[in-house]
Amino acid sequence: PDSVGVMTFTAHQTWTVARDGSITLRSRITSDKPDLVLGRLGYILQVPARLDRFGYYGRGPVENYSDRYTCAFVGEYTGKVAGQVSNYTKPQEMANHEQVRWASLTGRHGRGVLFEASENSLRSSDFGRPVMSVSALPYSAVDLVQAAHQCDLPAPGDTWLCLDAADLGLGGNSCGPSPLEEDRVHPSATFGFIIRLK
């Protein structure tokens, strides 16, 4: 098979600061390999550990994916970032939530930051409103990949917040087909969100 080799992403970003202090990001993402299937497409933010309360309005409370969300209902959910960690035998990326309208990270006094989906060419809610895939974990993707077992993970630290235009469906590769085309993520999207203080 052909090697993927080097690929190039281009992201045209527009940041708009409003009078109320909110910041809107609008990005158009493209690649020179438009047919490549990605695990996710979006942004990862490293947020200080003191903002350890995670809230969102979307599908939950259990983790869910584009092809595994009928057991998760749209609602408002809150909890600790540490509570998003699943005790898998081999640590891996986890805790995704689909059809999220907004997500927040706050401290113990309820102050923090809120991220609201504002544009998404890949996913929308049943009512046509922009949504995103969101996860929040006290470990980075590198921490998870390097740990062979749960006991190998470092002490929880900063929160790693993923705000994605889309996240790859799970499919059934261990005992069935790969994700369907509608649940695959290709490197082309228009995506945006609004950042507000909470």
Protein backbone atom coordinates (compact mmCIF):
# COMPACT_ATOMS: atom_id res chain seq x y z
CA PRO A 1 0.00 0.00 0.00
CA ASP A 2 1.02 3.60 -0.56
CA SER A 3 2.58 5.40 2.36
CA VAL A 4 0.73 8.46 3.63
CA GLY A 5 3.99 10.39 3.66
CA VAL A 6 3.97 14.08 4.40
CA MET A 7 0.70 15.95 4.34
CA THR A 8 0.02 19.65 4.62
CA PHE A 9 -2.82 21.33 6.48
CA THR A 10 -3.82 24.90 5.79
CA ALA A 11 -5.99 26.74 8.30
CA HIS A 12 -7.32 30.20 7.47
CA GLN A 13 -8.37 31.66 10.81
CA THR A 14 -10.32 34.78 11.62
CA TRP A 15 -10.43 35.91 15.26
CA THR A 16 -13.04 38.54 16.14
CA VAL A 17 -13.12 40.26 19.53
CA ALA A 18 -16.52 41.70 20.46
CA ARG A 19 -17.23 44.60 22.80
CA ASP A 20 -18.50 42.21 25.47
CA GLY A 21 -15.06 40.51 25.53
CA SER A 22 -16.14 37.36 23.71
CA ILE A 23 -13.81 35.99 21.04
CA THR A 24 -15.08 34.23 17.92
CA LEU A 25 -12.87 31.89 15.92
CA ARG A 26 -13.82 31.03 12.34
CA SER A 27 -11.46 28.65 10.57
CA ARG A 28 -11.40 27.04 7.13
CA ILE A 29 -9.25 23.92 7.19
CA THR A 30 -7.98 22.16 4.05
CA SER A 31 -5.28 19.66 3.16
CA ASP A 32 -3.32 18.47 0.15
CA LYS A 33 -4.63 14.93 0.91
CA PRO A 34 -8.42 15.50 1.05
CA ASP A 35 -9.31 11.78 1.01
CA LEU A 36 -7.24 10.84 4.04
CA VAL A 37 -9.30 9.64 7.05
CA LEU A 38 -8.39 11.34 10.32
CA GLY A 39 -9.12 10.47 13.93
CA ARG A 40 -10.40 13.99 14.59
CA LEU A 41 -10.33 17.48 13.12
CA GLY A 42 -10.37 20.52 15.37
CA TYR A 43 -8.47 22.19 18.18
CA ILE A 44 -6.79 20.97 21.37
CA LEU A 45 -6.38 23.44 24.23
CA GLN A 46 -4.26 23.01 27.35
CA VAL A 47 -6.18 24.61 30.23
CA PRO A 48 -4.85 25.15 33.80
CA ALA A 49 -5.68 22.32 36.21
CA ARG A 50 -7.52 24.71 38.56
CA LEU A 51 -10.39 24.74 36.04
CA ASP A 52 -11.30 21.16 36.90
CA ARG A 53 -15.10 21.27 36.53
CA PHE A 54 -16.40 20.24 33.11
CA GLY A 55 -19.88 21.13 31.93
CA TYR A 56 -21.54 20.82 28.54
CA TYR A 57 -24.86 20.77 26.71
CA GLY A 58 -24.83 17.82 24.35
CA ARG A 59 -25.06 14.04 24.38
CA GLY A 60 -24.14 12.33 27.63
CA PRO A 61 -23.41 11.51 30.32
CA VAL A 62 -21.53 8.49 28.94
CA GLU A 63 -18.89 8.87 26.25
CA ASN A 64 -20.33 8.66 22.74
CA TYR A 65 -19.26 8.89 19.11
CA SER A 66 -20.82 9.71 15.75
CA ASP A 67 -21.85 6.07 15.27
CA ARG A 68 -22.50 5.32 18.96
CA TYR A 69 -24.71 8.00 20.48
CA THR A 70 -28.29 6.69 20.57
CA CYS A 71 -27.72 5.60 24.19
CA ALA A 72 -26.68 9.15 25.15
CA PHE A 73 -29.31 11.83 25.49
CA VAL A 74 -29.04 15.56 24.81
CA GLY A 75 -28.96 17.48 28.06
CA GLU A 76 -26.84 19.61 30.36
CA TYR A 77 -24.17 17.64 32.23
CA THR A 78 -21.60 18.67 34.82
CA GLY A 79 -18.85 16.92 36.75
CA LYS A 80 -15.14 16.83 37.42
CA VAL A 81 -12.67 16.49 34.54
CA ALA A 82 -11.16 13.52 36.40
CA GLY A 83 -14.58 11.83 36.23
CA GLN A 84 -14.29 11.67 32.42
CA VAL A 85 -11.51 9.06 32.62
CA SER A 86 -12.55 5.48 31.81
CA ASN A 87 -10.59 2.64 33.38
CA TYR A 88 -9.61 0.93 30.14
CA THR A 89 -7.00 -1.83 30.35
CA LYS A 90 -4.83 0.13 27.91
CA PRO A 91 -5.15 3.92 28.31
CA GLN A 92 -6.40 5.54 25.12
CA GLU A 93 -8.22 8.63 23.92
CA MET A 94 -11.71 8.59 25.40
CA ALA A 95 -14.59 10.62 26.81
CA ASN A 96 -15.86 12.10 23.54
CA HIS A 97 -19.30 13.73 23.53
CA GLU A 98 -21.26 14.37 20.34
CA GLN A 99 -23.68 17.13 19.35
CA VAL A 100 -22.31 19.56 21.93
CA ARG A 101 -23.71 23.09 21.68
CA TRP A 102 -21.42 24.50 24.41
CA ALA A 103 -18.83 23.29 26.90
CA SER A 104 -17.29 24.99 29.92
CA LEU A 105 -14.35 24.58 32.26
CA THR A 106 -14.67 26.27 35.63
CA GLY A 107 -13.00 26.34 39.03
CA ARG A 108 -14.53 25.62 42.41
CA HIS A 109 -16.22 29.04 42.55
CA GLY A 110 -17.93 28.57 39.18
CA ARG A 111 -15.76 31.01 37.24
CA GLY A 112 -13.96 29.98 34.09
CA VAL A 113 -14.45 29.86 30.35
CA LEU A 114 -17.22 28.72 28.01
CA PHE A 115 -16.89 27.55 24.39
CA GLU A 116 -19.97 27.72 22.16
CA ALA A 117 -20.19 26.08 18.72
CA SER A 118 -20.80 28.76 16.09
CA GLU A 119 -20.11 27.10 12.74
CA ASN A 120 -19.48 23.56 11.54
CA SER A 121 -19.67 22.30 7.96
CA LEU A 122 -19.29 18.65 9.04
CA ARG A 123 -21.82 18.21 11.84
CA SER A 124 -25.06 19.86 12.92
CA SER A 125 -27.76 19.03 15.44
CA ASP A 126 -31.12 17.56 14.50
CA PHE A 127 -32.38 21.15 14.32
CA GLY A 128 -29.61 22.35 11.98
CA ARG A 129 -27.73 24.25 14.70
CA PRO A 130 -23.91 24.07 14.81
CA VAL A 131 -22.50 21.50 17.20
CA MET A 132 -19.07 20.06 17.93
CA SER A 133 -17.46 16.96 19.40
CA VAL A 134 -15.90 17.67 22.80
CA SER A 135 -13.73 15.85 25.32
CA ALA A 136 -11.91 16.99 28.46
CA LEU A 137 -9.26 14.86 30.18
CA PRO A 138 -6.52 15.44 32.76
CA TYR A 139 -4.05 13.70 30.41
CA SER A 140 -2.63 14.62 27.02
CA ALA A 141 -2.81 12.28 24.02
CA VAL A 142 0.94 11.66 24.48
CA ASP A 143 0.38 10.64 28.13
CA LEU A 144 -2.25 8.12 27.03
CA VAL A 145 -0.19 6.65 24.17
CA GLN A 146 2.94 6.23 26.31
CA ALA A 147 1.16 4.41 29.17
CA ALA A 148 0.85 0.65 28.78
CA HIS A 149 -1.49 0.41 31.80
CA GLN A 150 -3.49 2.78 34.00
CA CYS A 151 -0.75 2.64 36.66
CA ASP A 152 1.73 4.04 34.11
CA LEU A 153 -0.17 7.31 33.68
CA PRO A 154 1.41 10.41 35.24
CA ALA A 155 -0.34 12.33 38.00
CA PRO A 156 -3.33 14.22 36.57
CA GLY A 157 -2.34 17.70 35.49
CA ASP A 158 -3.73 20.40 33.24
CA THR A 159 -6.97 19.76 31.38
CA TRP A 160 -6.68 18.87 27.69
CA LEU A 161 -9.83 20.11 26.00
CA CYS A 162 -10.61 18.92 22.47
CA LEU A 163 -13.08 20.99 20.44
CA ASP A 164 -13.59 19.18 17.16
CA ALA A 165 -15.55 19.73 13.98
CA ALA A 166 -15.84 15.93 13.95
CA ASP A 167 -14.44 12.84 15.62
CA LEU A 168 -14.02 9.49 13.83
CA GLY A 169 -16.73 6.93 14.49
CA LEU A 170 -15.71 3.67 16.18
CA GLY A 171 -16.95 1.23 13.56
CA GLY A 172 -16.43 -2.41 14.45
CA ASN A 173 -12.90 -3.19 13.25
CA SER A 174 -12.33 -5.82 15.94
CA CYS A 175 -15.36 -7.81 14.83
CA GLY A 176 -16.89 -6.00 11.88
CA PRO A 177 -16.55 -3.20 9.34
CA SER A 178 -14.68 0.08 9.65
CA PRO A 179 -16.72 3.27 10.25
CA LEU A 180 -19.22 4.15 7.56
CA GLU A 181 -18.37 7.03 5.23
CA GLU A 182 -20.70 9.43 7.07
CA ASP A 183 -18.80 8.72 10.31
CA ARG A 184 -15.34 9.29 8.82
CA VAL A 185 -13.42 12.54 9.16
CA HIS A 186 -11.64 14.03 6.16
CA PRO A 187 -9.27 17.03 6.41
CA SER A 188 -11.62 19.69 5.09
CA ALA A 189 -14.04 21.76 7.16
CA THR A 190 -15.28 25.16 8.12
CA PHE A 191 -15.41 25.26 11.89
CA GLY A 192 -15.75 27.86 14.58
CA PHE A 193 -16.63 28.60 18.17
CA ILE A 194 -17.12 31.52 20.53
CA ILE A 195 -15.07 31.87 23.72
CA ARG A 196 -16.75 33.63 26.65
CA LEU A 197 -15.78 34.20 30.25
CA LYS A 198 -18.10 32.44 32.66
